[in-house]
Amino acid sequence: MDIMQTIKEQVEGNTILLYMKGSPEQPQCGFSSQASQALMACGEKFAYIDILSNPEIRSNLPQYSEWPTFPQLFVGGELVGGCDIIMEMYQSGELQPLVKAASPE
């Protein structure tokens, strides 16, 4: 299967999806750690994909999303942004309702 199709299916198949380095329990970079902590603090389940163990996704996701850095958060199939945007939204109180609204009951 084409890698772009795989990414599209991952984004569309998970209402809250974080592409990150490592896992929420063992992040492999500070930005991924901050992003996953903010998401976990929202109290909803989310999917994640470790780009370090998926080099093809790591090399093609920036082209798919038109966003150059990691982590990348998708909610409802739309790119929210990277660590800075995630943290700004969390601190301003915008992230929690977005995540809650997208979370499957």
PDB file of N, CA and C in Angstrom:
ATOM      1  N   MET A   1       0.853  -1.188   0.000  1.00  0.00           N
ATOM      2  CA  MET A   1       0.000   0.000   0.000  1.00  0.00           C
ATOM      3  C   MET A   1       0.894   1.245   0.000  1.00  0.00           C
ATOM      4  N   ASP A   2       0.482   2.249  -0.713  1.00  0.00           N
ATOM      5  CA  ASP A   2       1.195   3.514  -0.773  1.00  0.00           C
ATOM      6  C   ASP A   2       1.246   4.152   0.618  1.00  0.00           C
ATOM      7  N   ILE A   3       2.395   4.687   0.992  1.00  0.00           N
ATOM      8  CA  ILE A   3       2.560   5.255   2.338  1.00  0.00           C
ATOM      9  C   ILE A   3       1.624   6.439   2.582  1.00  0.00           C
ATOM     10  N   MET A   4       1.362   7.235   1.553  1.00  0.00           N
ATOM     11  CA  MET A   4       0.437   8.361   1.728  1.00  0.00           C
ATOM     12  C   MET A   4      -0.976   7.857   2.027  1.00  0.00           C
ATOM     13  N   GLN A   5      -1.357   6.757   1.404  1.00  0.00           N
ATOM     14  CA  GLN A   5      -2.662   6.146   1.673  1.00  0.00           C
ATOM     15  C   GLN A   5      -2.700   5.612   3.108  1.00  0.00           C
ATOM     16  N   THR A   6      -1.595   5.022   3.549  1.00  0.00           N
ATOM     17  CA  THR A   6      -1.515   4.518   4.926  1.00  0.00           C
ATOM     18  C   THR A   6      -1.691   5.659   5.923  1.00  0.00           C
ATOM     19  N   ILE A   7      -0.979   6.765   5.697  1.00  0.00           N
ATOM     20  CA  ILE A   7      -1.094   7.925   6.593  1.00  0.00           C
ATOM     21  C   ILE A   7      -2.526   8.452   6.586  1.00  0.00           C
ATOM     22  N   LYS A   8      -3.110   8.564   5.404  1.00  0.00           N
ATOM     23  CA  LYS A   8      -4.496   9.051   5.284  1.00  0.00           C
ATOM     24  C   LYS A   8      -5.445   8.160   6.089  1.00  0.00           C
ATOM     25  N   GLU A   9      -5.278   6.853   5.994  1.00  0.00           N
ATOM     26  CA  GLU A   9      -6.137   5.927   6.742  1.00  0.00           C
ATOM     27  C   GLU A   9      -5.911   6.051   8.246  1.00  0.00           C
ATOM     28  N   GLN A  10      -4.661   6.268   8.663  1.00  0.00           N
ATOM     29  CA  GLN A  10      -4.380   6.451  10.089  1.00  0.00           C
ATOM     30  C   GLN A  10      -5.066   7.714  10.601  1.00  0.00           C
ATOM     31  N   VAL A  11      -4.940   8.802   9.858  1.00  0.00           N
ATOM     32  CA  VAL A  11      -5.518  10.087  10.267  1.00  0.00           C
ATOM     33  C   VAL A  11      -7.045   9.998  10.304  1.00  0.00           C
ATOM     34  N   GLU A  12      -7.628   9.380   9.284  1.00  0.00           N
ATOM     35  CA  GLU A  12      -9.088   9.279   9.218  1.00  0.00           C
ATOM     36  C   GLU A  12      -9.644   8.223  10.168  1.00  0.00           C
ATOM     37  N   GLY A  13      -8.840   7.229  10.519  1.00  0.00           N
ATOM     38  CA  GLY A  13      -9.308   6.137  11.358  1.00  0.00           C
ATOM     39  C   GLY A  13      -9.180   6.376  12.850  1.00  0.00           C
ATOM     40  N   ASN A  14      -8.523   7.460  13.230  1.00  0.00           N
ATOM     41  CA  ASN A  14      -8.323   7.787  14.647  1.00  0.00           C
ATOM     42  C   ASN A  14      -8.761   9.232  14.872  1.00  0.00           C
ATOM     43  N   THR A  15      -9.783   9.439  15.698  1.00  0.00           N
ATOM     44  CA  THR A  15     -10.290  10.796  15.875  1.00  0.00           C
ATOM     45  C   THR A  15      -9.272  11.706  16.540  1.00  0.00           C
ATOM     46  N   ILE A  16      -8.426  11.158  17.416  1.00  0.00           N
ATOM     47  CA  ILE A  16      -7.354  11.932  18.042  1.00  0.00           C
ATOM     48  C   ILE A  16      -6.070  11.131  17.838  1.00  0.00           C
ATOM     49  N   LEU A  17      -5.152  11.685  17.063  1.00  0.00           N
ATOM     50  CA  LEU A  17      -3.939  10.954  16.700  1.00  0.00           C
ATOM     51  C   LEU A  17      -2.727  11.857  16.836  1.00  0.00           C
ATOM     52  N   LEU A  18      -1.728  11.374  17.574  1.00  0.00           N
ATOM     53  CA  LEU A  18      -0.485  12.108  17.759  1.00  0.00           C
ATOM     54  C   LEU A  18       0.650  11.327  17.116  1.00  0.00           C
ATOM     55  N   TYR A  19       1.275  11.928  16.126  1.00  0.00           N
ATOM     56  CA  TYR A  19       2.513  11.375  15.572  1.00  0.00           C
ATOM     57  C   TYR A  19       3.629  11.945  16.416  1.00  0.00           C
ATOM     58  N   MET A  20       4.415  11.065  17.030  1.00  0.00           N
ATOM     59  CA  MET A  20       5.420  11.527  17.984  1.00  0.00           C
ATOM     60  C   MET A  20       6.657  10.645  17.948  1.00  0.00           C
ATOM     61  N   LYS A  21       7.699  11.085  18.634  1.00  0.00           N
ATOM     62  CA  LYS A  21       8.919  10.292  18.787  1.00  0.00           C
ATOM     63  C   LYS A  21       8.788   9.527  20.091  1.00  0.00           C
ATOM     64  N   GLY A  22       8.684   8.195  19.990  1.00  0.00           N
ATOM     65  CA  GLY A  22       8.491   7.359  21.162  1.00  0.00           C
ATOM     66  C   GLY A  22       7.014   7.143  21.435  1.00  0.00           C
ATOM     67  N   SER A  23       6.706   6.928  22.711  1.00  0.00           N
ATOM     68  CA  SER A  23       5.324   6.689  23.133  1.00  0.00           C
ATOM     69  C   SER A  23       4.990   7.666  24.260  1.00  0.00           C
ATOM     70  N   PRO A  24       3.698   7.840  24.579  1.00  0.00           N
ATOM     71  CA  PRO A  24       3.349   8.737  25.689  1.00  0.00           C
ATOM     72  C   PRO A  24       4.034   8.328  27.002  1.00  0.00           C
ATOM     73  N   GLU A  25       4.230   7.020  27.201  1.00  0.00           N
ATOM     74  CA  GLU A  25       4.872   6.535  28.420  1.00  0.00           C
ATOM     75  C   GLU A  25       6.391   6.689  28.363  1.00  0.00           C
ATOM     76  N   GLN A  26       6.957   6.647  27.145  1.00  0.00           N
ATOM     77  CA  GLN A  26       8.399   6.788  26.977  1.00  0.00           C
ATOM     78  C   GLN A  26       8.712   7.667  25.771  1.00  0.00           C
ATOM     79  N   PRO A  27       8.428   8.957  25.884  1.00  0.00           N
ATOM     80  CA  PRO A  27       8.725   9.854  24.766  1.00  0.00           C
ATOM     81  C   PRO A  27      10.232   9.934  24.537  1.00  0.00           C
ATOM     82  N   GLN A  28      10.608  10.109  23.275  1.00  0.00           N
ATOM     83  CA  GLN A  28      12.020  10.127  22.923  1.00  0.00           C
ATOM     84  C   GLN A  28      12.537  11.532  22.611  1.00  0.00           C
ATOM     85  N   CYS A  29      11.711  12.552  22.836  1.00  0.00           N
ATOM     86  CA  CYS A  29      12.188  13.931  22.720  1.00  0.00           C
ATOM     87  C   CYS A  29      11.311  14.818  23.591  1.00  0.00           C
ATOM     88  N   GLY A  30      11.834  15.962  23.944  1.00  0.00           N
ATOM     89  CA  GLY A  30      11.123  16.868  24.841  1.00  0.00           C
ATOM     90  C   GLY A  30       9.818  17.386  24.270  1.00  0.00           C
ATOM     91  N   PHE A  31       9.808  17.665  22.957  1.00  0.00           N
ATOM     92  CA  PHE A  31       8.592  18.186  22.334  1.00  0.00           C
ATOM     93  C   PHE A  31       7.488  17.133  22.348  1.00  0.00           C
ATOM     94  N   SER A  32       7.845  15.884  22.028  1.00  0.00           N
ATOM     95  CA  SER A  32       6.864  14.800  22.071  1.00  0.00           C
ATOM     96  C   SER A  32       6.372  14.576  23.498  1.00  0.00           C
ATOM     97  N   SER A  33       7.273  14.719  24.463  1.00  0.00           N
ATOM     98  CA  SER A  33       6.891  14.571  25.866  1.00  0.00           C
ATOM     99  C   SER A  33       5.871  15.634  26.262  1.00  0.00           C
ATOM    100  N   GLN A  34       6.136  16.893  25.925  1.00  0.00           N
ATOM    101  CA  GLN A  34       5.207  17.976  26.272  1.00  0.00           C
ATOM    102  C   GLN A  34       3.846  17.776  25.615  1.00  0.00           C
ATOM    103  N   ALA A  35       3.862  17.428  24.328  1.00  0.00           N
ATOM    104  CA  ALA A  35       2.604  17.266  23.587  1.00  0.00           C
ATOM    105  C   ALA A  35       1.776  16.125  24.160  1.00  0.00           C
ATOM    106  N   SER A  36       2.424  14.991  24.439  1.00  0.00           N
ATOM    107  CA  SER A  36       1.665  13.846  24.958  1.00  0.00           C
ATOM    108  C   SER A  36       1.171  14.121  26.377  1.00  0.00           C
ATOM    109  N   GLN A  37       1.956  14.840  27.190  1.00  0.00           N
ATOM    110  CA  GLN A  37       1.512  15.194  28.543  1.00  0.00           C
ATOM    111  C   GLN A  37       0.274  16.094  28.495  1.00  0.00           C
ATOM    112  N   ALA A  38       0.284  17.072  27.582  1.00  0.00           N
ATOM    113  CA  ALA A  38      -0.873  17.965  27.447  1.00  0.00           C
ATOM    114  C   ALA A  38      -2.103  17.177  27.024  1.00  0.00           C
ATOM    115  N   LEU A  39      -1.922  16.256  26.083  1.00  0.00           N
ATOM    116  CA  LEU A  39      -3.062  15.442  25.636  1.00  0.00           C
ATOM    117  C   LEU A  39      -3.573  14.552  26.764  1.00  0.00           C
ATOM    118  N   MET A  40      -2.658  13.902  27.492  1.00  0.00           N
ATOM    119  CA  MET A  40      -3.076  13.034  28.595  1.00  0.00           C
ATOM    120  C   MET A  40      -3.805  13.838  29.664  1.00  0.00           C
ATOM    121  N   ALA A  41      -3.383  15.084  29.881  1.00  0.00           N
ATOM    122  CA  ALA A  41      -4.042  15.928  30.884  1.00  0.00           C
ATOM    123  C   ALA A  41      -5.473  16.280  30.490  1.00  0.00           C
ATOM    124  N   CYS A  42      -5.789  16.145  29.212  1.00  0.00           N
ATOM    125  CA  CYS A  42      -7.166  16.403  28.757  1.00  0.00           C
ATOM    126  C   CYS A  42      -8.106  15.272  29.172  1.00  0.00           C
ATOM    127  N   GLY A  43      -7.543  14.123  29.545  1.00  0.00           N
ATOM    128  CA  GLY A  43      -8.342  13.037  30.098  1.00  0.00           C
ATOM    129  C   GLY A  43      -9.069  12.162  29.096  1.00  0.00           C
ATOM    130  N   GLU A  44      -8.749  12.273  27.819  1.00  0.00           N
ATOM    131  CA  GLU A  44      -9.393  11.436  26.806  1.00  0.00           C
ATOM    132  C   GLU A  44      -8.357  10.504  26.182  1.00  0.00           C
ATOM    133  N   LYS A  45      -8.830   9.360  25.722  1.00  0.00           N
ATOM    134  CA  LYS A  45      -7.928   8.425  25.047  1.00  0.00           C
ATOM    135  C   LYS A  45      -7.539   8.997  23.687  1.00  0.00           C
ATOM    136  N   PHE A  46      -6.321   8.715  23.289  1.00  0.00           N
ATOM    137  CA  PHE A  46      -5.857   9.127  21.973  1.00  0.00           C
ATOM    138  C   PHE A  46      -4.907   8.072  21.424  1.00  0.00           C
ATOM    139  N   ALA A  47      -4.845   8.005  20.112  1.00  0.00           N
ATOM    140  CA  ALA A  47      -3.922   7.092  19.452  1.00  0.00           C
ATOM    141  C   ALA A  47      -2.610   7.827  19.212  1.00  0.00           C
ATOM    142  N   TYR A  48      -1.547   7.054  19.093  1.00  0.00           N
ATOM    143  CA  TYR A  48      -0.265   7.663  18.753  1.00  0.00           C
ATOM    144  C   TYR A  48       0.481   6.730  17.817  1.00  0.00           C
ATOM    145  N   ILE A  49       1.371   7.297  17.052  1.00  0.00           N
ATOM    146  CA  ILE A  49       2.238   6.517  16.179  1.00  0.00           C
ATOM    147  C   ILE A  49       3.656   7.001  16.412  1.00  0.00           C
ATOM    148  N   ASP A  50       4.524   6.050  16.725  1.00  0.00           N
ATOM    149  CA  ASP A  50       5.945   6.332  16.963  1.00  0.00           C
ATOM    150  C   ASP A  50       6.646   6.438  15.617  1.00  0.00           C
ATOM    151  N   ILE A  51       7.027   7.654  15.238  1.00  0.00           N
ATOM    152  CA  ILE A  51       7.668   7.851  13.940  1.00  0.00           C
ATOM    153  C   ILE A  51       9.093   7.305  13.914  1.00  0.00           C
ATOM    154  N   LEU A  52       9.697   7.102  15.076  1.00  0.00           N
ATOM    155  CA  LEU A  52      11.053   6.546  15.105  1.00  0.00           C
ATOM    156  C   LEU A  52      11.057   5.084  14.667  1.00  0.00           C
ATOM    157  N   SER A  53       9.992   4.360  14.975  1.00  0.00           N
ATOM    158  CA  SER A  53       9.915   2.959  14.550  1.00  0.00           C
ATOM    159  C   SER A  53       9.178   2.813  13.213  1.00  0.00           C
ATOM    160  N   ASN A  54       8.786   3.942  12.631  1.00  0.00           N
ATOM    161  CA  ASN A  54       8.126   3.957  11.324  1.00  0.00           C
ATOM    162  C   ASN A  54       8.820   4.987  10.425  1.00  0.00           C
ATOM    163  N   PRO A  55      10.044   4.687   9.961  1.00  0.00           N
ATOM    164  CA  PRO A  55      10.804   5.689   9.205  1.00  0.00           C
ATOM    165  C   PRO A  55      10.129   6.153   7.920  1.00  0.00           C
ATOM    166  N   GLU A  56       9.334   5.296   7.300  1.00  0.00           N
ATOM    167  CA  GLU A  56       8.649   5.708   6.075  1.00  0.00           C
ATOM    168  C   GLU A  56       7.581   6.761   6.381  1.00  0.00           C
ATOM    169  N   ILE A  57       6.888   6.598   7.489  1.00  0.00           N
ATOM    170  CA  ILE A  57       5.914   7.604   7.912  1.00  0.00           C
ATOM    171  C   ILE A  57       6.647   8.887   8.288  1.00  0.00           C
ATOM    172  N   ARG A  58       7.748   8.756   9.017  1.00  0.00           N
ATOM    173  CA  ARG A  58       8.523   9.927   9.431  1.00  0.00           C
ATOM    174  C   ARG A  58       8.966  10.764   8.228  1.00  0.00           C
ATOM    175  N   SER A  59       9.376  10.102   7.163  1.00  0.00           N
ATOM    176  CA  SER A  59       9.884  10.847   6.009  1.00  0.00           C
ATOM    177  C   SER A  59       8.767  11.400   5.119  1.00  0.00           C
ATOM    178  N   ASN A  60       7.561  10.839   5.178  1.00  0.00           N
ATOM    179  CA  ASN A  60       6.478  11.271   4.291  1.00  0.00           C
ATOM    180  C   ASN A  60       5.388  12.108   4.957  1.00  0.00           C
ATOM    181  N   LEU A  61       5.260  12.030   6.272  1.00  0.00           N
ATOM    182  CA  LEU A  61       4.201  12.772   6.963  1.00  0.00           C
ATOM    183  C   LEU A  61       4.303  14.291   6.754  1.00  0.00           C
ATOM    184  N   PRO A  62       5.506  14.889   6.803  1.00  0.00           N
ATOM    185  CA  PRO A  62       5.560  16.342   6.567  1.00  0.00           C
ATOM    186  C   PRO A  62       4.993  16.755   5.199  1.00  0.00           C
ATOM    187  N   GLN A  63       5.162  15.922   4.210  1.00  0.00           N
ATOM    188  CA  GLN A  63       4.595  16.212   2.886  1.00  0.00           C
ATOM    189  C   GLN A  63       3.068  16.085   2.935  1.00  0.00           C
ATOM    190  N   TYR A  64       2.575  15.056   3.608  1.00  0.00           N
ATOM    191  CA  TYR A  64       1.130  14.828   3.719  1.00  0.00           C
ATOM    192  C   TYR A  64       0.460  15.997   4.450  1.00  0.00           C
ATOM    193  N   SER A  65       1.043  16.385   5.577  1.00  0.00           N
ATOM    194  CA  SER A  65       0.403  17.387   6.440  1.00  0.00           C
ATOM    195  C   SER A  65       0.795  18.826   6.103  1.00  0.00           C
ATOM    196  N   GLU A  66       1.836  18.967   5.276  1.00  0.00           N
ATOM    197  CA  GLU A  66       2.405  20.285   4.998  1.00  0.00           C
ATOM    198  C   GLU A  66       2.863  20.956   6.289  1.00  0.00           C
ATOM    199  N   TRP A  67       3.401  20.150   7.202  1.00  0.00           N
ATOM    200  CA  TRP A  67       3.936  20.615   8.482  1.00  0.00           C
ATOM    201  C   TRP A  67       5.284  19.937   8.660  1.00  0.00           C
ATOM    202  N   PRO A  68       6.374  20.698   8.863  1.00  0.00           N
ATOM    203  CA  PRO A  68       7.717  20.121   8.785  1.00  0.00           C
ATOM    204  C   PRO A  68       8.226  19.390  10.020  1.00  0.00           C
ATOM    205  N   THR A  69       7.640  19.635  11.184  1.00  0.00           N
ATOM    206  CA  THR A  69       8.246  19.121  12.415  1.00  0.00           C
ATOM    207  C   THR A  69       7.349  18.112  13.120  1.00  0.00           C
ATOM    208  N   PHE A  70       7.911  17.470  14.134  1.00  0.00           N
ATOM    209  CA  PHE A  70       7.190  16.520  14.983  1.00  0.00           C
ATOM    210  C   PHE A  70       7.282  17.003  16.415  1.00  0.00           C
ATOM    211  N   PRO A  71       6.281  16.701  17.238  1.00  0.00           N
ATOM    212  CA  PRO A  71       5.085  15.899  16.962  1.00  0.00           C
ATOM    213  C   PRO A  71       4.069  16.645  16.093  1.00  0.00           C
ATOM    214  N   GLN A  72       3.083  15.868  15.625  1.00  0.00           N
ATOM    215  CA  GLN A  72       1.958  16.428  14.880  1.00  0.00           C
ATOM    216  C   GLN A  72       0.673  15.841  15.450  1.00  0.00           C
ATOM    217  N   LEU A  73      -0.266  16.710  15.778  1.00  0.00           N
ATOM    218  CA  LEU A  73      -1.548  16.284  16.333  1.00  0.00           C
ATOM    219  C   LEU A  73      -2.642  16.475  15.297  1.00  0.00           C
ATOM    220  N   PHE A  74      -3.395  15.401  15.075  1.00  0.00           N
ATOM    221  CA  PHE A  74      -4.573  15.455  14.211  1.00  0.00           C
ATOM    222  C   PHE A  74      -5.803  15.187  15.078  1.00  0.00           C
ATOM    223  N   VAL A  75      -6.817  16.008  14.926  1.00  0.00           N
ATOM    224  CA  VAL A  75      -8.089  15.814  15.625  1.00  0.00           C
ATOM    225  C   VAL A  75      -9.194  15.889  14.580  1.00  0.00           C
ATOM    226  N   GLY A  76     -10.002  14.840  14.522  1.00  0.00           N
ATOM    227  CA  GLY A  76     -11.089  14.797  13.550  1.00  0.00           C
ATOM    228  C   GLY A  76     -10.585  14.856  12.111  1.00  0.00           C
ATOM    229  N   GLY A  77      -9.414  14.293  11.865  1.00  0.00           N
ATOM    230  CA  GLY A  77      -8.863  14.253  10.521  1.00  0.00           C
ATOM    231  C   GLY A  77      -8.149  15.519  10.088  1.00  0.00           C
ATOM    232  N   GLU A  78      -8.109  16.529  10.962  1.00  0.00           N
ATOM    233  CA  GLU A  78      -7.478  17.813  10.627  1.00  0.00           C
ATOM    234  C   GLU A  78      -6.223  18.017  11.457  1.00  0.00           C
ATOM    235  N   LEU A  79      -5.198  18.560  10.826  1.00  0.00           N
ATOM    236  CA  LEU A  79      -3.967  18.886  11.549  1.00  0.00           C
ATOM    237  C   LEU A  79      -4.231  20.042  12.499  1.00  0.00           C
ATOM    238  N   VAL A  80      -3.931  19.835  13.772  1.00  0.00           N
ATOM    239  CA  VAL A  80      -4.016  20.905  14.766  1.00  0.00           C
ATOM    240  C   VAL A  80      -2.689  21.667  14.773  1.00  0.00           C
ATOM    241  N   GLY A  81      -1.581  20.928  14.798  1.00  0.00           N
ATOM    242  CA  GLY A  81      -0.268  21.559  14.779  1.00  0.00           C
ATOM    243  C   GLY A  81       0.748  20.755  15.556  1.00  0.00           C
ATOM    244  N   GLY A  82       1.856  21.417  15.845  1.00  0.00           N
ATOM    245  CA  GLY A  82       2.960  20.796  16.561  1.00  0.00           C
ATOM    246  C   GLY A  82       2.960  21.171  18.032  1.00  0.00           C
ATOM    247  N   CYS A  83       4.091  20.950  18.662  1.00  0.00           N
ATOM    248  CA  CYS A  83       4.214  21.130  20.113  1.00  0.00           C
ATOM    249  C   CYS A  83       3.839  22.539  20.563  1.00  0.00           C
ATOM    250  N   ASP A  84       4.355  23.568  19.901  1.00  0.00           N
ATOM    251  CA  ASP A  84       4.072  24.945  20.331  1.00  0.00           C
ATOM    252  C   ASP A  84       2.579  25.240  20.310  1.00  0.00           C
ATOM    253  N   ILE A  85       1.919  24.841  19.233  1.00  0.00           N
ATOM    254  CA  ILE A  85       0.477  25.093  19.111  1.00  0.00           C
ATOM    255  C   ILE A  85      -0.300  24.272  20.133  1.00  0.00           C
ATOM    256  N   ILE A  86       0.092  23.009  20.307  1.00  0.00           N
ATOM    257  CA  ILE A  86      -0.569  22.142  21.292  1.00  0.00           C
ATOM    258  C   ILE A  86      -0.457  22.762  22.685  1.00  0.00           C
ATOM    259  N   MET A  87       0.747  23.223  23.040  1.00  0.00           N
ATOM    260  CA  MET A  87       0.956  23.794  24.370  1.00  0.00           C
ATOM    261  C   MET A  87       0.200  25.117  24.542  1.00  0.00           C
ATOM    262  N   GLU A  88       0.204  25.957  23.514  1.00  0.00           N
ATOM    263  CA  GLU A  88      -0.550  27.210  23.592  1.00  0.00           C
ATOM    264  C   GLU A  88      -2.037  26.932  23.780  1.00  0.00           C
ATOM    265  N   MET A  89      -2.553  25.966  23.025  1.00  0.00           N
ATOM    266  CA  MET A  89      -3.978  25.633  23.135  1.00  0.00           C
ATOM    267  C   MET A  89      -4.294  25.031  24.500  1.00  0.00           C
ATOM    268  N   TYR A  90      -3.384  24.212  25.024  1.00  0.00           N
ATOM    269  CA  TYR A  90      -3.599  23.610  26.339  1.00  0.00           C
ATOM    270  C   TYR A  90      -3.629  24.703  27.414  1.00  0.00           C
ATOM    271  N   GLN A  91      -2.650  25.597  27.370  1.00  0.00           N
ATOM    272  CA  GLN A  91      -2.543  26.636  28.397  1.00  0.00           C
ATOM    273  C   GLN A  91      -3.684  27.654  28.318  1.00  0.00           C
ATOM    274  N   SER A  92      -4.213  27.877  27.131  1.00  0.00           N
ATOM    275  CA  SER A  92      -5.322  28.834  26.987  1.00  0.00           C
ATOM    276  C   SER A  92      -6.688  28.183  27.239  1.00  0.00           C
ATOM    277  N   GLY A  93      -6.697  26.847  27.382  1.00  0.00           N
ATOM    278  CA  GLY A  93      -7.954  26.148  27.622  1.00  0.00           C
ATOM    279  C   GLY A  93      -8.689  25.741  26.355  1.00  0.00           C
ATOM    280  N   GLU A  94      -8.062  25.914  25.197  1.00  0.00           N
ATOM    281  CA  GLU A  94      -8.711  25.552  23.928  1.00  0.00           C
ATOM    282  C   GLU A  94      -8.580  24.076  23.579  1.00  0.00           C
ATOM    283  N   LEU A  95      -7.538  23.423  24.076  1.00  0.00           N
ATOM    284  CA  LEU A  95      -7.281  22.032  23.690  1.00  0.00           C
ATOM    285  C   LEU A  95      -8.294  21.069  24.300  1.00  0.00           C
ATOM    286  N   GLN A  96      -8.604  21.243  25.577  1.00  0.00           N
ATOM    287  CA  GLN A  96      -9.482  20.306  26.275  1.00  0.00           C
ATOM    288  C   GLN A  96     -10.836  20.167  25.590  1.00  0.00           C
ATOM    289  N   PRO A  97     -11.565  21.257  25.280  1.00  0.00           N
ATOM    290  CA  PRO A  97     -12.858  21.076  24.624  1.00  0.00           C
ATOM    291  C   PRO A  97     -12.743  20.487  23.222  1.00  0.00           C
ATOM    292  N   LEU A  98     -11.664  20.810  22.512  1.00  0.00           N
ATOM    293  CA  LEU A  98     -11.455  20.247  21.181  1.00  0.00           C
ATOM    294  C   LEU A  98     -11.297  18.726  21.265  1.00  0.00           C
ATOM    295  N   VAL A  99     -10.470  18.287  22.195  1.00  0.00           N
ATOM    296  CA  VAL A  99     -10.217  16.857  22.378  1.00  0.00           C
ATOM    297  C   VAL A  99     -11.479  16.161  22.881  1.00  0.00           C
ATOM    298  N   LYS A 100     -12.157  16.772  23.839  1.00  0.00           N
ATOM    299  CA  LYS A 100     -13.372  16.176  24.408  1.00  0.00           C
ATOM    300  C   LYS A 100     -14.453  16.016  23.337  1.00  0.00           C
ATOM    301  N   ALA A 101     -14.636  17.025  22.496  1.00  0.00           N
ATOM    302  CA  ALA A 101     -15.649  16.978  21.442  1.00  0.00           C
ATOM    303  C   ALA A 101     -15.341  15.891  20.423  1.00  0.00           C
ATOM    304  N   ALA A 102     -14.058  15.639  20.183  1.00  0.00           N
ATOM    305  CA  ALA A 102     -13.674  14.644  19.178  1.00  0.00           C
ATOM    306  C   ALA A 102     -13.620  13.225  19.740  1.00  0.00           C
ATOM    307  N   SER A 103     -13.579  13.108  21.052  1.00  0.00           N
ATOM    308  CA  SER A 103     -13.402  11.813  21.678  1.00  0.00           C
ATOM    309  C   SER A 103     -14.643  10.938  21.506  1.00  0.00           C
ATOM    310  N   PRO A 104     -14.419   9.697  21.032  1.00  0.00           N
ATOM    311  CA  PRO A 104     -15.566   8.785  20.950  1.00  0.00           C
ATOM    312  C   PRO A 104     -16.051   8.420  22.350  1.00  0.00           C
ATOM    313  N   GLU A 105     -17.329   8.424  22.537  1.00  0.00           N
ATOM    314  CA  GLU A 105     -17.896   8.136  23.870  1.00  0.00           C
ATOM    315  C   GLU A 105     -17.740   6.684  24.224  1.00  0.00           C
TER     316      GLU A 105
END
